[in-house]
């Protein structure tokens, strides 16, 4: 977004561009003694996004444990910078963004680790691991290909 002093309200830096702000209201089923954004919230996941393909639909429910969220005043700047909103909360707030065309660039306010279990890992975490494995395989293949090309140059037949 090319905002030199972009910051989070959590840092209290005095920046004039606070992109991450305190949540304005608590989640409906807030955990007792938890932050405003604690507990479960229904989401609308936007079609055509990587997050939609991971979650398999538009309706989802996720776990949160936070006090901060996206400053909605910056949504147009996020979009202009190439980020796409991929999930919204029940009141239309940004809950996830992603970078289209990237192998796995998704930022969420929900925390998949809160509902992930060893016997049932969260689908978001599994998707991240699969993307990392595909990247590793592609990088290894590229490295082998480059090595073979160098060998042929050094050992002409």
N, C-alpha and C. Protein backbone atom coordinates (compact mmCIF):
# COMPACT_ATOMS: atom_id res chain seq x y z
N UNK A 1 0.82 -1.19 0.00
CA UNK A 1 0.00 0.00 0.00
C UNK A 1 0.87 1.25 0.00
N UNK A 2 2.17 1.06 0.23
CA UNK A 2 3.12 2.17 0.19
C UNK A 2 2.78 3.28 1.19
N UNK A 3 2.35 2.89 2.38
CA UNK A 3 2.09 3.84 3.46
C UNK A 3 3.24 3.70 4.44
N UNK A 4 4.14 4.65 4.41
CA UNK A 4 5.39 4.55 5.19
C UNK A 4 5.14 4.38 6.68
N UNK A 5 4.13 5.04 7.23
CA UNK A 5 3.91 4.95 8.68
C UNK A 5 2.68 4.12 9.04
N UNK A 6 2.28 3.20 8.15
CA UNK A 6 1.14 2.32 8.47
C UNK A 6 1.46 1.56 9.75
N UNK A 7 0.45 1.43 10.61
CA UNK A 7 0.70 0.78 11.89
C UNK A 7 -0.58 0.18 12.44
N UNK A 8 -0.42 -0.48 13.56
CA UNK A 8 -1.53 -1.06 14.31
C UNK A 8 -1.77 -0.20 15.55
N UNK A 9 -3.02 -0.01 15.91
CA UNK A 9 -3.36 0.74 17.12
C UNK A 9 -2.75 0.08 18.35
N UNK A 10 -2.51 -1.19 18.27
CA UNK A 10 -1.91 -1.92 19.38
C UNK A 10 -0.53 -1.36 19.74
N UNK A 11 0.18 -0.81 18.75
CA UNK A 11 1.52 -0.25 18.99
C UNK A 11 1.48 1.16 19.58
N UNK A 12 0.34 1.84 19.43
CA UNK A 12 0.17 3.19 19.96
C UNK A 12 1.32 4.10 19.53
N UNK A 13 1.67 4.06 18.22
CA UNK A 13 2.82 4.80 17.71
C UNK A 13 2.52 6.26 17.38
N UNK A 14 1.25 6.61 17.33
CA UNK A 14 0.88 7.96 16.94
C UNK A 14 0.80 8.13 15.43
N UNK A 15 0.89 7.03 14.69
CA UNK A 15 0.80 7.09 13.24
C UNK A 15 -0.54 7.67 12.81
N UNK A 16 -0.54 8.39 11.71
CA UNK A 16 -1.80 8.91 11.17
C UNK A 16 -2.49 7.88 10.29
N UNK A 17 -1.84 6.72 10.09
CA UNK A 17 -2.41 5.65 9.25
C UNK A 17 -2.50 4.36 10.05
N UNK A 18 -3.53 4.28 10.88
CA UNK A 18 -3.74 3.10 11.70
C UNK A 18 -4.62 2.13 10.90
N UNK A 19 -3.97 1.11 10.37
CA UNK A 19 -4.63 0.15 9.48
C UNK A 19 -5.30 -0.97 10.28
N UNK A 20 -4.81 -1.23 11.46
CA UNK A 20 -5.38 -2.23 12.35
C UNK A 20 -5.87 -1.50 13.60
N UNK A 21 -7.18 -1.61 13.87
CA UNK A 21 -7.80 -0.85 14.95
C UNK A 21 -8.49 -1.77 15.96
N UNK A 22 -8.79 -1.25 17.14
CA UNK A 22 -9.55 -2.06 18.10
C UNK A 22 -10.91 -2.42 17.52
N UNK A 23 -11.37 -3.61 17.85
CA UNK A 23 -12.70 -4.01 17.40
C UNK A 23 -13.74 -3.08 18.02
N UNK A 24 -14.72 -2.69 17.22
CA UNK A 24 -15.72 -1.75 17.72
C UNK A 24 -16.76 -2.43 18.61
N UNK A 25 -16.99 -3.71 18.41
CA UNK A 25 -17.96 -4.40 19.26
C UNK A 25 -17.51 -5.85 19.46
N UNK A 26 -18.03 -6.45 20.48
CA UNK A 26 -17.68 -7.83 20.82
C UNK A 26 -18.45 -8.81 19.94
N UNK A 27 -17.88 -9.99 19.77
CA UNK A 27 -18.61 -11.06 19.08
C UNK A 27 -19.82 -11.45 19.92
N UNK A 28 -20.90 -11.87 19.26
CA UNK A 28 -22.13 -12.19 20.00
C UNK A 28 -21.97 -13.23 21.10
N UNK A 29 -21.15 -14.24 20.87
CA UNK A 29 -20.96 -15.31 21.86
C UNK A 29 -19.58 -15.21 22.50
N UNK A 30 -19.22 -14.01 22.88
CA UNK A 30 -17.89 -13.75 23.45
C UNK A 30 -17.62 -14.65 24.64
N UNK A 31 -16.39 -15.16 24.70
CA UNK A 31 -15.98 -15.97 25.85
C UNK A 31 -15.89 -15.09 27.09
N UNK A 32 -16.30 -15.63 28.20
CA UNK A 32 -16.20 -14.89 29.47
C UNK A 32 -14.74 -14.53 29.72
N UNK A 33 -14.48 -13.29 30.05
CA UNK A 33 -13.13 -12.79 30.34
C UNK A 33 -12.19 -12.82 29.15
N UNK A 34 -12.72 -13.07 27.96
CA UNK A 34 -11.88 -13.07 26.77
C UNK A 34 -11.88 -11.71 26.10
N UNK A 35 -11.01 -11.52 25.09
CA UNK A 35 -11.03 -10.26 24.36
C UNK A 35 -12.34 -10.10 23.60
N UNK A 36 -12.57 -8.90 23.04
CA UNK A 36 -13.81 -8.64 22.31
C UNK A 36 -14.04 -9.68 21.20
N UNK A 37 -12.97 -10.02 20.53
CA UNK A 37 -13.08 -11.00 19.44
C UNK A 37 -12.69 -12.38 19.93
N UNK A 38 -13.46 -12.92 20.86
CA UNK A 38 -13.17 -14.28 21.33
C UNK A 38 -14.44 -15.10 21.22
N UNK A 39 -14.25 -16.31 20.76
CA UNK A 39 -15.39 -17.19 20.55
C UNK A 39 -15.56 -17.48 19.08
N UNK A 40 -16.76 -17.85 18.73
CA UNK A 40 -17.05 -18.29 17.37
C UNK A 40 -17.87 -17.24 16.64
N UNK A 41 -17.61 -17.11 15.33
CA UNK A 41 -18.38 -16.19 14.50
C UNK A 41 -18.66 -16.83 13.15
N UNK A 42 -19.87 -16.59 12.65
CA UNK A 42 -20.23 -17.03 11.30
C UNK A 42 -19.54 -16.11 10.30
N UNK A 43 -19.12 -16.69 9.18
CA UNK A 43 -18.45 -15.94 8.12
C UNK A 43 -19.15 -16.14 6.80
N UNK A 44 -19.01 -15.16 5.93
CA UNK A 44 -19.37 -15.28 4.52
C UNK A 44 -18.06 -15.28 3.77
N UNK A 45 -17.77 -16.37 3.09
CA UNK A 45 -16.54 -16.48 2.31
C UNK A 45 -16.89 -16.18 0.86
N UNK A 46 -16.13 -15.29 0.27
CA UNK A 46 -16.45 -14.82 -1.08
C UNK A 46 -16.08 -15.86 -2.12
N UNK A 47 -17.02 -16.14 -3.05
CA UNK A 47 -16.76 -17.09 -4.13
C UNK A 47 -15.59 -16.61 -5.00
N UNK A 48 -14.89 -17.56 -5.58
CA UNK A 48 -13.78 -17.23 -6.47
C UNK A 48 -12.47 -16.96 -5.74
N UNK A 49 -12.45 -17.14 -4.42
CA UNK A 49 -11.22 -16.92 -3.67
C UNK A 49 -10.59 -18.25 -3.31
N UNK A 50 -9.29 -18.21 -3.01
CA UNK A 50 -8.61 -19.42 -2.56
C UNK A 50 -9.23 -19.91 -1.25
N UNK A 51 -9.58 -18.98 -0.38
CA UNK A 51 -10.20 -19.37 0.89
C UNK A 51 -11.51 -20.12 0.64
N UNK A 52 -12.28 -19.68 -0.33
CA UNK A 52 -13.53 -20.37 -0.68
C UNK A 52 -13.24 -21.80 -1.13
N UNK A 53 -12.19 -21.98 -1.95
CA UNK A 53 -11.88 -23.33 -2.41
C UNK A 53 -11.39 -24.21 -1.26
N UNK A 54 -10.73 -23.61 -0.28
CA UNK A 54 -10.26 -24.37 0.88
C UNK A 54 -11.43 -24.77 1.77
N UNK A 55 -12.34 -23.82 2.02
CA UNK A 55 -13.46 -24.07 2.94
C UNK A 55 -14.61 -24.81 2.28
N UNK A 56 -14.67 -24.77 0.95
CA UNK A 56 -15.68 -25.53 0.23
C UNK A 56 -17.06 -24.90 0.20
N UNK A 57 -17.16 -23.63 0.48
CA UNK A 57 -18.46 -22.97 0.43
C UNK A 57 -18.39 -21.55 0.93
N UNK A 58 -19.57 -20.92 0.94
CA UNK A 58 -19.64 -19.51 1.35
C UNK A 58 -19.88 -19.32 2.83
N UNK A 59 -20.54 -20.26 3.48
CA UNK A 59 -20.84 -20.13 4.90
C UNK A 59 -19.85 -20.93 5.71
N UNK A 60 -19.35 -20.31 6.76
CA UNK A 60 -18.38 -20.97 7.62
C UNK A 60 -18.52 -20.39 9.02
N UNK A 61 -17.92 -21.06 9.96
CA UNK A 61 -17.88 -20.59 11.34
C UNK A 61 -16.47 -20.81 11.83
N UNK A 62 -15.87 -19.78 12.42
CA UNK A 62 -14.47 -19.87 12.84
C UNK A 62 -14.30 -19.32 14.25
N UNK A 63 -13.16 -19.65 14.84
CA UNK A 63 -12.82 -19.25 16.20
C UNK A 63 -11.88 -18.04 16.19
N UNK A 64 -12.08 -17.16 17.15
CA UNK A 64 -11.30 -15.92 17.29
C UNK A 64 -10.77 -15.77 18.70
N UNK A 65 -9.69 -15.04 18.84
CA UNK A 65 -9.19 -14.63 20.14
C UNK A 65 -8.34 -13.38 19.92
N UNK A 66 -8.99 -12.23 19.77
CA UNK A 66 -8.27 -11.00 19.46
C UNK A 66 -9.08 -9.78 19.88
N UNK A 67 -8.42 -8.64 19.90
CA UNK A 67 -9.07 -7.37 20.21
C UNK A 67 -9.00 -6.39 19.03
N UNK A 68 -8.32 -6.78 17.96
CA UNK A 68 -8.07 -5.86 16.86
C UNK A 68 -8.57 -6.44 15.54
N UNK A 69 -8.86 -5.52 14.61
CA UNK A 69 -9.32 -5.91 13.29
C UNK A 69 -8.89 -4.90 12.24
N UNK A 70 -9.30 -5.14 11.03
CA UNK A 70 -8.94 -4.28 9.90
C UNK A 70 -9.72 -2.97 9.97
N UNK A 71 -9.03 -1.87 9.78
CA UNK A 71 -9.67 -0.56 9.68
C UNK A 71 -10.33 -0.50 8.31
N UNK A 72 -11.65 -0.55 8.29
CA UNK A 72 -12.39 -0.64 7.04
C UNK A 72 -12.17 0.57 6.13
N UNK A 73 -11.68 1.68 6.68
CA UNK A 73 -11.40 2.86 5.86
C UNK A 73 -10.29 2.60 4.84
N UNK A 74 -9.53 1.52 5.03
CA UNK A 74 -8.42 1.21 4.13
C UNK A 74 -8.75 0.13 3.10
N UNK A 75 -10.01 -0.34 3.08
CA UNK A 75 -10.35 -1.44 2.18
C UNK A 75 -10.03 -1.13 0.72
N UNK A 76 -10.37 0.05 0.25
CA UNK A 76 -10.08 0.40 -1.15
C UNK A 76 -8.58 0.41 -1.42
N UNK A 77 -7.79 0.84 -0.45
CA UNK A 77 -6.34 0.83 -0.62
C UNK A 77 -5.79 -0.60 -0.64
N UNK A 78 -6.37 -1.48 0.18
CA UNK A 78 -5.99 -2.89 0.13
C UNK A 78 -6.23 -3.43 -1.27
N UNK A 79 -7.41 -3.16 -1.79
CA UNK A 79 -7.76 -3.64 -3.13
C UNK A 79 -6.84 -3.05 -4.19
N UNK A 80 -6.54 -1.75 -4.10
CA UNK A 80 -5.66 -1.11 -5.07
C UNK A 80 -4.25 -1.71 -5.02
N UNK A 81 -3.85 -2.19 -3.84
CA UNK A 81 -2.53 -2.81 -3.67
C UNK A 81 -2.53 -4.27 -4.12
N UNK A 82 -3.69 -4.79 -4.52
CA UNK A 82 -3.77 -6.16 -5.01
C UNK A 82 -4.37 -7.16 -4.04
N UNK A 83 -4.65 -6.74 -2.81
CA UNK A 83 -5.28 -7.66 -1.86
C UNK A 83 -6.77 -7.72 -2.11
N UNK A 84 -7.33 -8.88 -1.91
CA UNK A 84 -8.77 -9.07 -2.11
C UNK A 84 -9.38 -9.55 -0.80
N UNK A 85 -10.48 -8.95 -0.41
CA UNK A 85 -11.20 -9.44 0.77
C UNK A 85 -11.77 -10.80 0.39
N UNK A 86 -11.51 -11.80 1.23
CA UNK A 86 -12.00 -13.14 0.92
C UNK A 86 -13.00 -13.66 1.93
N UNK A 87 -13.17 -12.97 3.07
CA UNK A 87 -14.20 -13.37 4.04
C UNK A 87 -14.64 -12.14 4.82
N UNK A 88 -15.93 -12.14 5.16
CA UNK A 88 -16.51 -11.04 5.94
C UNK A 88 -17.28 -11.62 7.12
N UNK A 89 -17.30 -10.83 8.20
CA UNK A 89 -18.07 -11.20 9.38
C UNK A 89 -19.55 -10.94 9.16
N UNK A 90 -20.34 -11.19 10.18
CA UNK A 90 -21.79 -11.09 10.06
C UNK A 90 -22.28 -9.67 9.79
N UNK A 91 -21.48 -8.67 10.16
CA UNK A 91 -21.85 -7.28 9.90
C UNK A 91 -21.12 -6.71 8.69
N UNK A 92 -20.44 -7.56 7.94
CA UNK A 92 -19.74 -7.13 6.73
C UNK A 92 -18.29 -6.73 6.94
N UNK A 93 -17.76 -6.91 8.15
CA UNK A 93 -16.38 -6.54 8.44
C UNK A 93 -15.41 -7.51 7.75
N UNK A 94 -14.24 -7.00 7.39
CA UNK A 94 -13.20 -7.83 6.78
C UNK A 94 -12.68 -8.82 7.82
N UNK A 95 -12.71 -10.08 7.45
CA UNK A 95 -12.20 -11.13 8.33
C UNK A 95 -11.03 -11.90 7.71
N UNK A 96 -10.86 -11.77 6.39
CA UNK A 96 -9.72 -12.41 5.72
C UNK A 96 -9.46 -11.68 4.40
N UNK A 97 -8.18 -11.60 4.05
CA UNK A 97 -7.77 -11.05 2.75
C UNK A 97 -6.78 -12.03 2.14
N UNK A 98 -6.64 -11.94 0.83
CA UNK A 98 -5.67 -12.79 0.15
C UNK A 98 -5.10 -12.05 -1.05
N UNK A 99 -4.00 -12.57 -1.55
CA UNK A 99 -3.34 -12.02 -2.71
C UNK A 99 -3.59 -12.97 -3.88
N UNK A 100 -4.53 -12.62 -4.76
CA UNK A 100 -4.85 -13.51 -5.89
C UNK A 100 -3.60 -13.81 -6.73
N UNK A 101 -3.52 -15.04 -7.19
CA UNK A 101 -2.40 -15.45 -8.02
C UNK A 101 -1.18 -15.93 -7.24
N UNK A 102 -1.15 -15.69 -5.95
CA UNK A 102 -0.05 -16.17 -5.11
C UNK A 102 -0.37 -17.59 -4.66
N UNK A 103 0.64 -18.41 -4.49
CA UNK A 103 0.38 -19.82 -4.14
C UNK A 103 -0.33 -19.97 -2.79
N UNK A 104 -0.07 -19.07 -1.83
CA UNK A 104 -0.79 -19.15 -0.55
C UNK A 104 -0.49 -17.91 0.26
N UNK A 105 -1.18 -16.83 -0.03
CA UNK A 105 -1.04 -15.60 0.75
C UNK A 105 -2.44 -15.26 1.24
N UNK A 106 -2.74 -15.70 2.45
CA UNK A 106 -4.05 -15.45 3.06
C UNK A 106 -3.80 -14.96 4.49
N UNK A 107 -4.40 -13.84 4.83
CA UNK A 107 -4.33 -13.32 6.19
C UNK A 107 -5.73 -13.38 6.78
N UNK A 108 -5.85 -13.96 7.96
CA UNK A 108 -7.15 -14.10 8.60
C UNK A 108 -7.15 -13.48 9.99
N UNK A 109 -8.32 -13.02 10.41
CA UNK A 109 -8.48 -12.63 11.81
C UNK A 109 -8.85 -13.85 12.65
N UNK A 110 -9.52 -14.81 12.03
CA UNK A 110 -9.82 -16.03 12.77
C UNK A 110 -8.53 -16.83 12.92
N UNK A 111 -8.52 -17.70 13.90
CA UNK A 111 -7.32 -18.47 14.22
C UNK A 111 -7.63 -19.96 14.10
N UNK A 112 -7.24 -20.55 12.96
CA UNK A 112 -7.57 -21.97 12.72
C UNK A 112 -7.00 -22.91 13.77
N UNK A 113 -5.91 -22.52 14.42
CA UNK A 113 -5.32 -23.40 15.43
C UNK A 113 -6.24 -23.60 16.62
N UNK A 114 -7.19 -22.68 16.83
CA UNK A 114 -8.10 -22.81 17.97
C UNK A 114 -9.10 -23.95 17.81
N UNK A 115 -9.40 -24.32 16.58
CA UNK A 115 -10.35 -25.43 16.37
C UNK A 115 -9.68 -26.63 15.72
N UNK A 116 -8.38 -26.61 15.59
CA UNK A 116 -7.64 -27.72 15.00
C UNK A 116 -7.27 -28.72 16.10
N UNK A 117 -7.37 -29.98 15.77
CA UNK A 117 -7.02 -31.05 16.70
C UNK A 117 -6.11 -32.04 15.98
N UNK A 118 -5.24 -32.75 16.72
CA UNK A 118 -4.33 -33.71 16.07
C UNK A 118 -5.08 -34.72 15.20
N UNK A 119 -6.24 -35.16 15.67
CA UNK A 119 -7.00 -36.15 14.90
C UNK A 119 -7.86 -35.50 13.82
N UNK A 120 -8.00 -34.18 13.85
CA UNK A 120 -8.81 -33.46 12.85
C UNK A 120 -8.22 -32.07 12.63
N UNK A 121 -7.09 -31.99 11.90
CA UNK A 121 -6.48 -30.68 11.66
C UNK A 121 -7.43 -29.78 10.87
N UNK A 122 -7.36 -28.50 11.13
CA UNK A 122 -8.20 -27.53 10.42
C UNK A 122 -7.85 -27.55 8.94
N UNK A 123 -8.85 -27.48 8.10
CA UNK A 123 -8.63 -27.55 6.64
C UNK A 123 -7.74 -26.42 6.13
N UNK A 124 -7.74 -25.28 6.77
CA UNK A 124 -6.89 -24.17 6.38
C UNK A 124 -5.42 -24.53 6.60
N UNK A 125 -5.10 -25.14 7.74
CA UNK A 125 -3.73 -25.55 8.03
C UNK A 125 -3.28 -26.64 7.07
N UNK A 126 -4.17 -27.58 6.77
CA UNK A 126 -3.83 -28.63 5.80
C UNK A 126 -3.56 -28.03 4.42
N UNK A 127 -4.36 -27.06 4.01
CA UNK A 127 -4.16 -26.41 2.71
C UNK A 127 -2.82 -25.69 2.67
N UNK A 128 -2.44 -25.04 3.76
CA UNK A 128 -1.15 -24.36 3.83
C UNK A 128 -0.01 -25.37 3.70
N UNK A 129 -0.09 -26.48 4.40
CA UNK A 129 0.95 -27.51 4.32
C UNK A 129 1.03 -28.09 2.91
N UNK A 130 -0.12 -28.32 2.26
CA UNK A 130 -0.10 -28.82 0.88
C UNK A 130 0.57 -27.82 -0.07
N UNK A 131 0.27 -26.54 0.12
CA UNK A 131 0.89 -25.50 -0.72
C UNK A 131 2.40 -25.47 -0.48
N UNK A 132 2.82 -25.61 0.76
CA UNK A 132 4.25 -25.63 1.07
C UNK A 132 4.94 -26.84 0.43
N UNK A 133 4.28 -27.99 0.45
CA UNK A 133 4.85 -29.19 -0.17
C UNK A 133 4.94 -29.03 -1.69
N UNK A 134 3.90 -28.45 -2.31
CA UNK A 134 3.96 -28.21 -3.77
C UNK A 134 5.10 -27.26 -4.11
N UNK A 135 5.27 -26.22 -3.31
CA UNK A 135 6.36 -25.27 -3.53
C UNK A 135 7.71 -25.97 -3.40
N UNK A 136 7.86 -26.78 -2.37
CA UNK A 136 9.13 -27.49 -2.15
C UNK A 136 9.44 -28.41 -3.32
N UNK A 137 8.43 -29.14 -3.79
CA UNK A 137 8.65 -30.05 -4.93
C UNK A 137 9.02 -29.27 -6.19
N UNK A 138 8.33 -28.16 -6.43
CA UNK A 138 8.61 -27.34 -7.61
C UNK A 138 10.02 -26.76 -7.53
N UNK A 139 10.42 -26.31 -6.36
CA UNK A 139 11.76 -25.74 -6.19
C UNK A 139 12.83 -26.82 -6.38
N UNK A 140 12.59 -28.03 -5.86
CA UNK A 140 13.54 -29.12 -6.03
C UNK A 140 13.66 -29.50 -7.50
N UNK A 141 12.52 -29.54 -8.20
CA UNK A 141 12.53 -29.88 -9.63
C UNK A 141 13.29 -28.82 -10.42
N UNK A 142 13.07 -27.55 -10.09
CA UNK A 142 13.77 -26.45 -10.76
C UNK A 142 15.28 -26.55 -10.49
N UNK A 143 15.63 -26.88 -9.26
CA UNK A 143 17.04 -27.00 -8.88
C UNK A 143 17.70 -28.15 -9.64
N UNK A 144 17.00 -29.29 -9.75
CA UNK A 144 17.54 -30.44 -10.50
C UNK A 144 17.70 -30.08 -11.97
N UNK A 145 16.73 -29.37 -12.51
CA UNK A 145 16.78 -28.97 -13.92
C UNK A 145 17.96 -28.03 -14.17
N UNK A 146 18.16 -27.07 -13.28
CA UNK A 146 19.28 -26.13 -13.42
C UNK A 146 20.61 -26.86 -13.29
N UNK A 147 20.68 -27.84 -12.38
CA UNK A 147 21.89 -28.63 -12.19
C UNK A 147 22.21 -29.44 -13.44
N UNK A 148 21.18 -30.03 -14.04
CA UNK A 148 21.37 -30.81 -15.26
C UNK A 148 21.85 -29.92 -16.40
N UNK A 149 21.31 -28.71 -16.50
CA UNK A 149 21.72 -27.77 -17.54
C UNK A 149 23.18 -27.38 -17.36
N UNK A 150 23.59 -27.13 -16.12
CA UNK A 150 25.00 -26.78 -15.85
C UNK A 150 25.90 -27.95 -16.19
N UNK A 151 25.48 -29.17 -15.86
CA UNK A 151 26.30 -30.37 -16.15
C UNK A 151 26.50 -30.52 -17.65
N UNK A 152 25.48 -30.30 -18.44
CA UNK A 152 25.60 -30.43 -19.89
C UNK A 152 26.53 -29.36 -20.47
N UNK A 153 26.50 -28.17 -19.89
CA UNK A 153 27.39 -27.10 -20.37
C UNK A 153 28.84 -27.41 -20.03
N UNK A 154 29.05 -28.00 -18.85
CA UNK A 154 30.43 -28.30 -18.41
C UNK A 154 30.97 -29.57 -19.02
N UNK A 155 30.08 -30.45 -19.46
CA UNK A 155 30.52 -31.74 -20.04
C UNK A 155 29.88 -31.94 -21.41
N UNK A 156 30.29 -31.16 -22.40
CA UNK A 156 29.67 -31.32 -23.72
C UNK A 156 29.98 -32.69 -24.29
N UNK A 157 29.05 -33.25 -25.02
CA UNK A 157 29.20 -34.58 -25.61
C UNK A 157 29.92 -34.50 -26.93
